[in-house]
């Protein structure tokens, strides 16, 4: 079952170029992680806020991402340029990933009901 992560960030004043450079590095590394289905960055019209949408094939892929170099090495650098406003996980990330997500302040929404095409 896929797991989705939604992260809303505010970019600090004067840090946009550093943010963009780091985001490019994060994208390049995440591209090589097995089980990553989606890893998209969206900027607001004024380039002060960003929404990151991530989708992983299953809980194992989420855990691999959270314990890999992108999160362990690059997220701390990203937090020097941004502030997390909202962090949500949709789907079952598994117990280990849920603990890690919780340490970042993520709220976890378990799958309940819906339609997948």
PDB file of N, CA and C in Angstrom:
ATOM      1  N   UNK A   1       0.844  -1.177   0.000  1.00  0.00           N
ATOM      2  CA  UNK A   1       0.000   0.000   0.000  1.00  0.00           C
ATOM      3  C   UNK A   1       0.894   1.245   0.000  1.00  0.00           C
ATOM      4  N   UNK A   2       0.670   2.176  -0.911  1.00  0.00           N
ATOM      5  CA  UNK A   2       1.500   3.382  -0.972  1.00  0.00           C
ATOM      6  C   UNK A   2       1.397   4.236   0.291  1.00  0.00           C
ATOM      7  N   UNK A   3       2.463   4.968   0.553  1.00  0.00           N
ATOM      8  CA  UNK A   3       2.505   5.910   1.665  1.00  0.00           C
ATOM      9  C   UNK A   3       2.870   7.271   1.083  1.00  0.00           C
ATOM     10  N   UNK A   4       2.118   8.292   1.484  1.00  0.00           N
ATOM     11  CA  UNK A   4       2.332   9.655   0.999  1.00  0.00           C
ATOM     12  C   UNK A   4       2.839  10.523   2.152  1.00  0.00           C
ATOM     13  N   UNK A   5       3.811  11.363   1.870  1.00  0.00           N
ATOM     14  CA  UNK A   5       4.293  12.352   2.837  1.00  0.00           C
ATOM     15  C   UNK A   5       4.051  13.731   2.247  1.00  0.00           C
ATOM     16  N   UNK A   6       3.507  14.629   3.043  1.00  0.00           N
ATOM     17  CA  UNK A   6       3.256  16.006   2.636  1.00  0.00           C
ATOM     18  C   UNK A   6       3.978  16.917   3.620  1.00  0.00           C
ATOM     19  N   UNK A   7       4.850  17.751   3.090  1.00  0.00           N
ATOM     20  CA  UNK A   7       5.643  18.635   3.944  1.00  0.00           C
ATOM     21  C   UNK A   7       5.484  20.062   3.427  1.00  0.00           C
ATOM     22  N   UNK A   8       5.024  20.958   4.290  1.00  0.00           N
ATOM     23  CA  UNK A   8       4.939  22.383   3.957  1.00  0.00           C
ATOM     24  C   UNK A   8       6.063  23.113   4.671  1.00  0.00           C
ATOM     25  N   UNK A   9       6.828  23.886   3.899  1.00  0.00           N
ATOM     26  CA  UNK A   9       7.975  24.610   4.422  1.00  0.00           C
ATOM     27  C   UNK A   9       7.837  26.096   4.162  1.00  0.00           C
ATOM     28  N   UNK A  10       8.374  26.906   5.057  1.00  0.00           N
ATOM     29  CA  UNK A  10       8.563  28.332   4.817  1.00  0.00           C
ATOM     30  C   UNK A  10      10.058  28.542   4.619  1.00  0.00           C
ATOM     31  N   UNK A  11      10.395  29.220   3.526  1.00  0.00           N
ATOM     32  CA  UNK A  11      11.791  29.476   3.196  1.00  0.00           C
ATOM     33  C   UNK A  11      12.215  30.781   3.850  1.00  0.00           C
ATOM     34  N   UNK A  12      13.333  30.750   4.565  1.00  0.00           N
ATOM     35  CA  UNK A  12      13.805  31.948   5.254  1.00  0.00           C
ATOM     36  C   UNK A  12      14.199  33.037   4.250  1.00  0.00           C
ATOM     37  N   UNK A  13      14.002  34.264   4.667  1.00  0.00           N
ATOM     38  CA  UNK A  13      14.360  35.423   3.840  1.00  0.00           C
ATOM     39  C   UNK A  13      15.826  35.340   3.413  1.00  0.00           C
ATOM     40  N   UNK A  14      16.072  35.520   2.129  1.00  0.00           N
ATOM     41  CA  UNK A  14      17.429  35.520   1.608  1.00  0.00           C
ATOM     42  C   UNK A  14      18.036  34.137   1.416  1.00  0.00           C
ATOM     43  N   UNK A  15      17.263  33.077   1.635  1.00  0.00           N
ATOM     44  CA  UNK A  15      17.792  31.710   1.550  1.00  0.00           C
ATOM     45  C   UNK A  15      17.254  30.933   0.345  1.00  0.00           C
ATOM     46  N   UNK A  16      16.544  31.596  -0.569  1.00  0.00           N
ATOM     47  CA  UNK A  16      15.897  30.895  -1.669  1.00  0.00           C
ATOM     48  C   UNK A  16      16.897  30.144  -2.551  1.00  0.00           C
ATOM     49  N   UNK A  17      17.980  30.774  -2.933  1.00  0.00           N
ATOM     50  CA  UNK A  17      18.937  30.113  -3.822  1.00  0.00           C
ATOM     51  C   UNK A  17      19.602  28.921  -3.144  1.00  0.00           C
ATOM     52  N   UNK A  18      19.954  29.057  -1.876  1.00  0.00           N
ATOM     53  CA  UNK A  18      20.530  27.927  -1.132  1.00  0.00           C
ATOM     54  C   UNK A  18      19.503  26.802  -1.021  1.00  0.00           C
ATOM     55  N   UNK A  19      18.252  27.172  -0.767  1.00  0.00           N
ATOM     56  CA  UNK A  19      17.158  26.200  -0.701  1.00  0.00           C
ATOM     57  C   UNK A  19      17.030  25.442  -2.021  1.00  0.00           C
ATOM     58  N   UNK A  20      17.005  26.170  -3.132  1.00  0.00           N
ATOM     59  CA  UNK A  20      16.849  25.532  -4.443  1.00  0.00           C
ATOM     60  C   UNK A  20      18.001  24.581  -4.744  1.00  0.00           C
ATOM     61  N   UNK A  21      19.205  24.981  -4.431  1.00  0.00           N
ATOM     62  CA  UNK A  21      20.372  24.147  -4.680  1.00  0.00           C
ATOM     63  C   UNK A  21      20.298  22.848  -3.877  1.00  0.00           C
ATOM     64  N   UNK A  22      19.942  22.972  -2.616  1.00  0.00           N
ATOM     65  CA  UNK A  22      19.836  21.802  -1.753  1.00  0.00           C
ATOM     66  C   UNK A  22      18.688  20.896  -2.198  1.00  0.00           C
ATOM     67  N   UNK A  23      17.565  21.483  -2.601  1.00  0.00           N
ATOM     68  CA  UNK A  23      16.434  20.690  -3.084  1.00  0.00           C
ATOM     69  C   UNK A  23      16.838  19.879  -4.309  1.00  0.00           C
ATOM     70  N   UNK A  24      17.626  20.472  -5.214  1.00  0.00           N
ATOM     71  CA  UNK A  24      18.099  19.747  -6.400  1.00  0.00           C
ATOM     72  C   UNK A  24      18.947  18.537  -6.004  1.00  0.00           C
ATOM     73  N   UNK A  25      19.801  18.712  -5.015  1.00  0.00           N
ATOM     74  CA  UNK A  25      20.614  17.597  -4.536  1.00  0.00           C
ATOM     75  C   UNK A  25      19.746  16.514  -3.910  1.00  0.00           C
ATOM     76  N   UNK A  26      18.724  16.922  -3.164  1.00  0.00           N
ATOM     77  CA  UNK A  26      17.819  15.960  -2.545  1.00  0.00           C
ATOM     78  C   UNK A  26      17.055  15.175  -3.613  1.00  0.00           C
ATOM     79  N   UNK A  27      16.634  15.857  -4.662  1.00  0.00           N
ATOM     80  CA  UNK A  27      15.921  15.196  -5.759  1.00  0.00           C
ATOM     81  C   UNK A  27      16.834  14.173  -6.436  1.00  0.00           C
ATOM     82  N   UNK A  28      18.063  14.563  -6.730  1.00  0.00           N
ATOM     83  CA  UNK A  28      19.002  13.656  -7.401  1.00  0.00           C
ATOM     84  C   UNK A  28      19.244  12.396  -6.580  1.00  0.00           C
ATOM     85  N   UNK A  29      19.413  12.541  -5.286  1.00  0.00           N
ATOM     86  CA  UNK A  29      19.668  11.363  -4.442  1.00  0.00           C
ATOM     87  C   UNK A  29      18.414  10.509  -4.290  1.00  0.00           C
ATOM     88  N   UNK A  30      17.260  11.152  -4.126  1.00  0.00           N
ATOM     89  CA  UNK A  30      16.018  10.406  -3.947  1.00  0.00           C
ATOM     90  C   UNK A  30      15.671   9.630  -5.216  1.00  0.00           C
ATOM     91  N   UNK A  31      16.028  10.166  -6.367  1.00  0.00           N
ATOM     92  CA  UNK A  31      15.760   9.494  -7.648  1.00  0.00           C
ATOM     93  C   UNK A  31      16.335   8.076  -7.670  1.00  0.00           C
ATOM     94  N   UNK A  32      17.414   7.839  -6.924  1.00  0.00           N
ATOM     95  CA  UNK A  32      18.069   6.526  -6.939  1.00  0.00           C
ATOM     96  C   UNK A  32      17.526   5.576  -5.870  1.00  0.00           C
ATOM     97  N   UNK A  33      16.633   6.047  -5.031  1.00  0.00           N
ATOM     98  CA  UNK A  33      16.095   5.200  -3.960  1.00  0.00           C
ATOM     99  C   UNK A  33      14.991   4.284  -4.502  1.00  0.00           C
ATOM    100  N   UNK A  34      15.128   2.974  -4.337  1.00  0.00           N
ATOM    101  CA  UNK A  34      14.075   2.063  -4.790  1.00  0.00           C
ATOM    102  C   UNK A  34      12.775   2.311  -4.038  1.00  0.00           C
ATOM    103  N   UNK A  35      11.671   2.229  -4.739  1.00  0.00           N
ATOM    104  CA  UNK A  35      10.359   2.378  -4.114  1.00  0.00           C
ATOM    105  C   UNK A  35       9.840   3.792  -4.061  1.00  0.00           C
ATOM    106  N   UNK A  36      10.586   4.757  -4.586  1.00  0.00           N
ATOM    107  CA  UNK A  36      10.098   6.133  -4.642  1.00  0.00           C
ATOM    108  C   UNK A  36       9.245   6.293  -5.887  1.00  0.00           C
ATOM    109  N   UNK A  37       7.988   6.669  -5.693  1.00  0.00           N
ATOM    110  CA  UNK A  37       7.071   6.867  -6.820  1.00  0.00           C
ATOM    111  C   UNK A  37       6.942   8.330  -7.195  1.00  0.00           C
ATOM    112  N   UNK A  38       7.024   9.208  -6.208  1.00  0.00           N
ATOM    113  CA  UNK A  38       6.833  10.645  -6.442  1.00  0.00           C
ATOM    114  C   UNK A  38       7.666  11.415  -5.416  1.00  0.00           C
ATOM    115  N   UNK A  39       8.305  12.486  -5.885  1.00  0.00           N
ATOM    116  CA  UNK A  39       9.101  13.348  -5.006  1.00  0.00           C
ATOM    117  C   UNK A  39       9.097  14.712  -5.675  1.00  0.00           C
ATOM    118  N   UNK A  40       8.046  15.488  -5.437  1.00  0.00           N
ATOM    119  CA  UNK A  40       7.815  16.735  -6.156  1.00  0.00           C
ATOM    120  C   UNK A  40       7.794  17.930  -5.217  1.00  0.00           C
ATOM    121  N   UNK A  41       8.485  18.975  -5.652  1.00  0.00           N
ATOM    122  CA  UNK A  41       8.573  20.228  -4.910  1.00  0.00           C
ATOM    123  C   UNK A  41       7.738  21.280  -5.631  1.00  0.00           C
ATOM    124  N   UNK A  42       6.910  22.004  -4.877  1.00  0.00           N
ATOM    125  CA  UNK A  42       6.039  23.034  -5.450  1.00  0.00           C
ATOM    126  C   UNK A  42       6.263  24.337  -4.684  1.00  0.00           C
ATOM    127  N   UNK A  43       6.576  25.416  -5.410  1.00  0.00           N
ATOM    128  CA  UNK A  43       6.793  26.726  -4.791  1.00  0.00           C
ATOM    129  C   UNK A  43       5.547  27.587  -4.910  1.00  0.00           C
ATOM    130  N   UNK A  44       5.276  28.371  -3.876  1.00  0.00           N
ATOM    131  CA  UNK A  44       4.188  29.353  -3.931  1.00  0.00           C
ATOM    132  C   UNK A  44       4.565  30.453  -4.923  1.00  0.00           C
ATOM    133  N   UNK A  45       3.588  31.251  -5.318  1.00  0.00           N
ATOM    134  CA  UNK A  45       3.822  32.313  -6.285  1.00  0.00           C
ATOM    135  C   UNK A  45       4.895  33.298  -5.869  1.00  0.00           C
ATOM    136  N   UNK A  46       5.021  33.552  -4.576  1.00  0.00           N
ATOM    137  CA  UNK A  46       6.025  34.495  -4.081  1.00  0.00           C
ATOM    138  C   UNK A  46       7.340  33.807  -3.695  1.00  0.00           C
ATOM    139  N   UNK A  47       7.428  32.496  -3.913  1.00  0.00           N
ATOM    140  CA  UNK A  47       8.621  31.687  -3.608  1.00  0.00           C
ATOM    141  C   UNK A  47       9.037  31.754  -2.142  1.00  0.00           C
ATOM    142  N   UNK A  48       8.069  31.959  -1.269  1.00  0.00           N
ATOM    143  CA  UNK A  48       8.372  31.983   0.166  1.00  0.00           C
ATOM    144  C   UNK A  48       7.974  30.691   0.864  1.00  0.00           C
ATOM    145  N   UNK A  49       7.139  29.909   0.199  1.00  0.00           N
ATOM    146  CA  UNK A  49       6.679  28.650   0.779  1.00  0.00           C
ATOM    147  C   UNK A  49       6.849  27.528  -0.242  1.00  0.00           C
ATOM    148  N   UNK A  50       6.994  26.327   0.269  1.00  0.00           N
ATOM    149  CA  UNK A  50       7.176  25.157  -0.577  1.00  0.00           C
ATOM    150  C   UNK A  50       6.334  24.014  -0.025  1.00  0.00           C
ATOM    151  N   UNK A  51       5.786  23.237  -0.933  1.00  0.00           N
ATOM    152  CA  UNK A  51       5.110  21.990  -0.544  1.00  0.00           C
ATOM    153  C   UNK A  51       5.852  20.850  -1.229  1.00  0.00           C
ATOM    154  N   UNK A  52       6.288  19.899  -0.426  1.00  0.00           N
ATOM    155  CA  UNK A  52       6.952  18.697  -0.928  1.00  0.00           C
ATOM    156  C   UNK A  52       5.951  17.555  -0.819  1.00  0.00           C
ATOM    157  N   UNK A  53       5.736  16.867  -1.937  1.00  0.00           N
ATOM    158  CA  UNK A  53       4.823  15.724  -1.982  1.00  0.00           C
ATOM    159  C   UNK A  53       5.655  14.498  -2.339  1.00  0.00           C
ATOM    160  N   UNK A  54       5.633  13.520  -1.445  1.00  0.00           N
ATOM    161  CA  UNK A  54       6.406  12.300  -1.637  1.00  0.00           C
ATOM    162  C   UNK A  54       5.460  11.106  -1.601  1.00  0.00           C
ATOM    163  N   UNK A  55       5.682  10.151  -2.480  1.00  0.00           N
ATOM    164  CA  UNK A  55       4.907   8.912  -2.466  1.00  0.00           C
ATOM    165  C   UNK A  55       5.874   7.746  -2.605  1.00  0.00           C
ATOM    166  N   UNK A  56       5.708   6.775  -1.736  1.00  0.00           N
ATOM    167  CA  UNK A  56       6.546   5.583  -1.721  1.00  0.00           C
ATOM    168  C   UNK A  56       5.671   4.350  -1.899  1.00  0.00           C
ATOM    169  N   UNK A  57       6.221   3.331  -2.518  1.00  0.00           N
ATOM    170  CA  UNK A  57       5.464   2.146  -2.861  1.00  0.00           C
ATOM    171  C   UNK A  57       4.918   1.418  -1.621  1.00  0.00           C
ATOM    172  N   UNK A  58       5.662   1.482  -0.506  1.00  0.00           N
ATOM    173  CA  UNK A  58       5.212   0.811   0.715  1.00  0.00           C
ATOM    174  C   UNK A  58       6.011   1.314   1.917  1.00  0.00           C
ATOM    175  N   UNK A  59       5.718   0.742   3.076  1.00  0.00           N
ATOM    176  CA  UNK A  59       6.373   1.150   4.324  1.00  0.00           C
ATOM    177  C   UNK A  59       7.881   0.911   4.285  1.00  0.00           C
ATOM    178  N   UNK A  60       8.314  -0.160   3.640  1.00  0.00           N
ATOM    179  CA  UNK A  60       9.756  -0.436   3.552  1.00  0.00           C
ATOM    180  C   UNK A  60      10.488   0.669   2.793  1.00  0.00           C
ATOM    181  N   UNK A  61       9.878   1.168   1.733  1.00  0.00           N
ATOM    182  CA  UNK A  61      10.498   2.252   0.954  1.00  0.00           C
ATOM    183  C   UNK A  61      10.550   3.546   1.765  1.00  0.00           C
ATOM    184  N   UNK A  62       9.525   3.805   2.575  1.00  0.00           N
ATOM    185  CA  UNK A  62       9.535   4.992   3.441  1.00  0.00           C
ATOM    186  C   UNK A  62      10.678   4.883   4.447  1.00  0.00           C
ATOM    187  N   UNK A  63      10.804   3.727   5.068  1.00  0.00           N
ATOM    188  CA  UNK A  63      11.869   3.529   6.063  1.00  0.00           C
ATOM    189  C   UNK A  63      13.246   3.669   5.412  1.00  0.00           C
ATOM    190  N   UNK A  64      13.404   3.133   4.221  1.00  0.00           N
ATOM    191  CA  UNK A  64      14.687   3.259   3.517  1.00  0.00           C
ATOM    192  C   UNK A  64      15.011   4.726   3.247  1.00  0.00           C
ATOM    193  N   UNK A  65      14.010   5.503   2.875  1.00  0.00           N
ATOM    194  CA  UNK A  65      14.224   6.932   2.630  1.00  0.00           C
ATOM    195  C   UNK A  65      14.595   7.653   3.932  1.00  0.00           C
ATOM    196  N   UNK A  66      13.856   7.375   4.984  1.00  0.00           N
ATOM    197  CA  UNK A  66      14.079   8.066   6.256  1.00  0.00           C
ATOM    198  C   UNK A  66      15.439   7.734   6.869  1.00  0.00           C
ATOM    199  N   UNK A  67      15.951   6.568   6.600  1.00  0.00           N
ATOM    200  CA  UNK A  67      17.245   6.172   7.162  1.00  0.00           C
ATOM    201  C   UNK A  67      18.390   6.372   6.173  1.00  0.00           C
ATOM    202  N   UNK A  68      18.071   6.862   4.971  1.00  0.00           N
ATOM    203  CA  UNK A  68      19.080   7.072   3.942  1.00  0.00           C
ATOM    204  C   UNK A  68      19.724   8.441   4.017  1.00  0.00           C
ATOM    205  N   UNK A  69      20.601   8.709   3.072  1.00  0.00           N
ATOM    206  CA  UNK A  69      21.410   9.930   3.091  1.00  0.00           C
ATOM    207  C   UNK A  69      20.613  11.210   2.911  1.00  0.00           C
ATOM    208  N   UNK A  70      19.512  11.155   2.173  1.00  0.00           N
ATOM    209  CA  UNK A  70      18.736  12.384   1.963  1.00  0.00           C
ATOM    210  C   UNK A  70      18.245  12.933   3.295  1.00  0.00           C
ATOM    211  N   UNK A  71      17.619  12.075   4.074  1.00  0.00           N
ATOM    212  CA  UNK A  71      17.065  12.536   5.354  1.00  0.00           C
ATOM    213  C   UNK A  71      18.164  12.726   6.389  1.00  0.00           C
ATOM    214  N   UNK A  72      19.082  11.779   6.466  1.00  0.00           N
ATOM    215  CA  UNK A  72      20.097  11.837   7.515  1.00  0.00           C
ATOM    216  C   UNK A  72      21.122  12.959   7.297  1.00  0.00           C
ATOM    217  N   UNK A  73      21.489  13.230   6.053  1.00  0.00           N
ATOM    218  CA  UNK A  73      22.523  14.226   5.780  1.00  0.00           C
ATOM    219  C   UNK A  73      21.972  15.556   5.274  1.00  0.00           C
ATOM    220  N   UNK A  74      20.953  15.507   4.420  1.00  0.00           N
ATOM    221  CA  UNK A  74      20.514  16.740   3.761  1.00  0.00           C
ATOM    222  C   UNK A  74      19.352  17.454   4.451  1.00  0.00           C
ATOM    223  N   UNK A  75      18.473  16.724   5.112  1.00  0.00           N
ATOM    224  CA  UNK A  75      17.368  17.397   5.810  1.00  0.00           C
ATOM    225  C   UNK A  75      17.887  18.356   6.886  1.00  0.00           C
ATOM    226  N   UNK A  76      18.885  17.976   7.688  1.00  0.00           N
ATOM    227  CA  UNK A  76      19.397  18.958   8.658  1.00  0.00           C
ATOM    228  C   UNK A  76      19.907  20.241   7.983  1.00  0.00           C
ATOM    229  N   UNK A  77      20.533  20.110   6.822  1.00  0.00           N
ATOM    230  CA  UNK A  77      20.986  21.294   6.081  1.00  0.00           C
ATOM    231  C   UNK A  77      19.793  22.097   5.568  1.00  0.00           C
ATOM    232  N   UNK A  78      18.747  21.389   5.092  1.00  0.00           N
ATOM    233  CA  UNK A  78      17.557  22.077   4.599  1.00  0.00           C
ATOM    234  C   UNK A  78      16.900  22.881   5.718  1.00  0.00           C
ATOM    235  N   UNK A  79      16.924  22.347   6.928  1.00  0.00           N
ATOM    236  CA  UNK A  79      16.292  23.045   8.053  1.00  0.00           C
ATOM    237  C   UNK A  79      17.071  24.287   8.486  1.00  0.00           C
ATOM    238  N   UNK A  80      18.273  24.481   7.958  1.00  0.00           N
ATOM    239  CA  UNK A  80      19.007  25.732   8.176  1.00  0.00           C
ATOM    240  C   UNK A  80      18.439  26.859   7.316  1.00  0.00           C
ATOM    241  N   UNK A  81      17.655  26.494   6.294  1.00  0.00           N
ATOM    242  CA  UNK A  81      17.114  27.468   5.343  1.00  0.00           C
ATOM    243  C   UNK A  81      15.592  27.558   5.378  1.00  0.00           C
ATOM    244  N   UNK A  82      14.963  26.634   6.103  1.00  0.00           N
ATOM    245  CA  UNK A  82      13.503  26.556   6.110  1.00  0.00           C
ATOM    246  C   UNK A  82      12.968  26.262   7.510  1.00  0.00           C
ATOM    247  N   UNK A  83      11.646  26.339   7.596  1.00  0.00           N
ATOM    248  CA  UNK A  83      10.933  25.948   8.816  1.00  0.00           C
ATOM    249  C   UNK A  83       9.788  25.044   8.379  1.00  0.00           C
ATOM    250  N   UNK A  84       9.593  23.937   9.073  1.00  0.00           N
ATOM    251  CA  UNK A  84       8.481  23.044   8.767  1.00  0.00           C
ATOM    252  C   UNK A  84       7.203  23.631   9.354  1.00  0.00           C
ATOM    253  N   UNK A  85       6.223  23.854   8.492  1.00  0.00           N
ATOM    254  CA  UNK A  85       4.920  24.365   8.930  1.00  0.00           C
ATOM    255  C   UNK A  85       3.913  23.240   9.132  1.00  0.00           C
ATOM    256  N   UNK A  86       4.018  22.232   8.292  1.00  0.00           N
ATOM    257  CA  UNK A  86       3.090  21.100   8.376  1.00  0.00           C
ATOM    258  C   UNK A  86       3.803  19.882   7.824  1.00  0.00           C
ATOM    259  N   UNK A  87       3.598  18.740   8.468  1.00  0.00           N
ATOM    260  CA  UNK A  87       4.193  17.491   8.012  1.00  0.00           C
ATOM    261  C   UNK A  87       3.170  16.400   8.286  1.00  0.00           C
ATOM    262  N   UNK A  88       2.729  15.730   7.235  1.00  0.00           N
ATOM    263  CA  UNK A  88       1.716  14.687   7.365  1.00  0.00           C
ATOM    264  C   UNK A  88       2.142  13.445   6.596  1.00  0.00           C
ATOM    265  N   UNK A  89       1.789  12.302   7.142  1.00  0.00           N
ATOM    266  CA  UNK A  89       1.981  11.020   6.481  1.00  0.00           C
ATOM    267  C   UNK A  89       0.599  10.421   6.288  1.00  0.00           C
ATOM    268  N   UNK A  90       0.309   9.968   5.068  1.00  0.00           N
ATOM    269  CA  UNK A  90      -0.970   9.336   4.761  1.00  0.00           C
ATOM    270  C   UNK A  90      -0.703   7.909   4.310  1.00  0.00           C
ATOM    271  N   UNK A  91      -1.347   6.952   4.988  1.00  0.00           N
ATOM    272  CA  UNK A  91      -1.089   5.544   4.749  1.00  0.00           C
ATOM    273  C   UNK A  91      -0.334   4.984   5.939  1.00  0.00           C
ATOM    274  N   UNK A  92      -0.012   3.711   5.892  1.00  0.00           N
ATOM    275  CA  UNK A  92       0.677   3.071   7.014  1.00  0.00           C
ATOM    276  C   UNK A  92       2.181   3.018   6.751  1.00  0.00           C
ATOM    277  N   UNK A  93       2.965   3.877   7.422  1.00  0.00           N
ATOM    278  CA  UNK A  93       4.410   3.877   7.205  1.00  0.00           C
ATOM    279  C   UNK A  93       5.142   2.772   7.961  1.00  0.00           C
ATOM    280  N   UNK A  94       4.423   1.990   8.762  1.00  0.00           N
ATOM    281  CA  UNK A  94       5.058   0.969   9.587  1.00  0.00           C
ATOM    282  C   UNK A  94       5.556   1.568  10.890  1.00  0.00           C
ATOM    283  N   UNK A  95       5.769   0.745  11.907  1.00  0.00           N
ATOM    284  CA  UNK A  95       6.109   1.259  13.234  1.00  0.00           C
ATOM    285  C   UNK A  95       7.441   2.004  13.312  1.00  0.00           C
ATOM    286  N   UNK A  96       8.475   1.505  12.663  1.00  0.00           N
ATOM    287  CA  UNK A  96       9.780   2.178  12.736  1.00  0.00           C
ATOM    288  C   UNK A  96       9.729   3.545  12.057  1.00  0.00           C
ATOM    289  N   UNK A  97       9.170   3.584  10.859  1.00  0.00           N
ATOM    290  CA  UNK A  97       9.067   4.861  10.138  1.00  0.00           C
ATOM    291  C   UNK A  97       8.146   5.816  10.882  1.00  0.00           C
ATOM    292  N   UNK A  98       7.075   5.296  11.486  1.00  0.00           N
ATOM    293  CA  UNK A  98       6.162   6.152  12.249  1.00  0.00           C
ATOM    294  C   UNK A  98       6.899   6.842  13.389  1.00  0.00           C
ATOM    295  N   UNK A  99       7.780   6.112  14.070  1.00  0.00           N
ATOM    296  CA  UNK A  99       8.572   6.716  15.152  1.00  0.00           C
ATOM    297  C   UNK A  99       9.494   7.806  14.622  1.00  0.00           C
ATOM    298  N   UNK A 100      10.155   7.529  13.501  1.00  0.00           N
ATOM    299  CA  UNK A 100      11.042   8.528  12.902  1.00  0.00           C
ATOM    300  C   UNK A 100      10.254   9.751  12.434  1.00  0.00           C
ATOM    301  N   UNK A 101       9.128   9.515  11.787  1.00  0.00           N
ATOM    302  CA  UNK A 101       8.281  10.627  11.325  1.00  0.00           C
ATOM    303  C   UNK A 101       7.816  11.469  12.514  1.00  0.00           C
ATOM    304  N   UNK A 102       7.452  10.806  13.602  1.00  0.00           N
ATOM    305  CA  UNK A 102       7.029  11.518  14.804  1.00  0.00           C
ATOM    306  C   UNK A 102       8.122  12.405  15.366  1.00  0.00           C
ATOM    307  N   UNK A 103       9.366  11.981  15.232  1.00  0.00           N
ATOM    308  CA  UNK A 103      10.471  12.806  15.741  1.00  0.00           C
ATOM    309  C   UNK A 103      10.625  14.103  14.939  1.00  0.00           C
ATOM    310  N   UNK A 104      10.103  14.119  13.711  1.00  0.00           N
ATOM    311  CA  UNK A 104      10.086  15.338  12.898  1.00  0.00           C
ATOM    312  C   UNK A 104       8.783  16.119  13.070  1.00  0.00           C
ATOM    313  N   UNK A 105       7.888  15.616  13.912  1.00  0.00           N
ATOM    314  CA  UNK A 105       6.622  16.296  14.149  1.00  0.00           C
ATOM    315  C   UNK A 105       5.524  15.939  13.176  1.00  0.00           C
ATOM    316  N   UNK A 106       5.688  14.858  12.428  1.00  0.00           N
ATOM    317  CA  UNK A 106       4.674  14.467  11.445  1.00  0.00           C
ATOM    318  C   UNK A 106       3.430  13.913  12.130  1.00  0.00           C
ATOM    319  N   UNK A 107       2.284  14.264  11.587  1.00  0.00           N
ATOM    320  CA  UNK A 107       1.018  13.678  12.009  1.00  0.00           C
ATOM    321  C   UNK A 107       0.717  12.541  11.042  1.00  0.00           C
ATOM    322  N   UNK A 108       0.334  11.390  11.571  1.00  0.00           N
ATOM    323  CA  UNK A 108       0.115  10.222  10.728  1.00  0.00           C
ATOM    324  C   UNK A 108      -1.379   9.968  10.582  1.00  0.00           C
ATOM    325  N   UNK A 109      -1.810   9.922   9.318  1.00  0.00           N
ATOM    326  CA  UNK A 109      -3.189   9.612   8.964  1.00  0.00           C
ATOM    327  C   UNK A 109      -3.194   8.211   8.355  1.00  0.00           C
ATOM    328  N   UNK A 110      -3.849   7.265   9.021  1.00  0.00           N
ATOM    329  CA  UNK A 110      -3.951   5.899   8.517  1.00  0.00           C
ATOM    330  C   UNK A 110      -5.009   5.854   7.412  1.00  0.00           C
ATOM    331  N   UNK A 111      -4.803   4.976   6.439  1.00  0.00           N
ATOM    332  CA  UNK A 111      -5.784   4.801   5.374  1.00  0.00           C
ATOM    333  C   UNK A 111      -7.099   4.352   5.985  1.00  0.00           C
ATOM    334  N   UNK A 112      -8.185   4.906   5.474  1.00  0.00           N
ATOM    335  CA  UNK A 112      -9.495   4.563   6.006  1.00  0.00           C
ATOM    336  C   UNK A 112     -10.406   4.043   4.923  1.00  0.00           C
ATOM    337  N   UNK A 113     -10.587   4.845   3.870  1.00  0.00           N
ATOM    338  CA  UNK A 113     -11.596   4.495   2.883  1.00  0.00           C
ATOM    339  C   UNK A 113     -11.304   5.280   1.618  1.00  0.00           C
ATOM    340  N   UNK A 114     -11.627   4.744   0.480  1.00  0.00           N
ATOM    341  CA  UNK A 114     -11.419   5.529  -0.723  1.00  0.00           C
ATOM    342  C   UNK A 114     -11.488   4.701  -1.985  1.00  0.00           C
ATOM    343  N   UNK A 115     -10.962   5.283  -3.033  1.00  0.00           N
ATOM    344  CA  UNK A 115     -10.983   4.688  -4.363  1.00  0.00           C
ATOM    345  C   UNK A 115      -9.639   4.912  -5.010  1.00  0.00           C
ATOM    346  N   UNK A 116      -9.049   3.885  -5.493  1.00  0.00           N
ATOM    347  CA  UNK A 116      -7.757   3.991  -6.194  1.00  0.00           C
ATOM    348  C   UNK A 116      -7.980   3.448  -7.590  1.00  0.00           C
ATOM    349  N   UNK A 117      -7.547   4.248  -8.600  1.00  0.00           N
ATOM    350  CA  UNK A 117      -7.786   3.860  -9.994  1.00  0.00           C
ATOM    351  C   UNK A 117      -6.730   3.034 -10.603  1.00  0.00           C
TER     352      UNK A 117
END
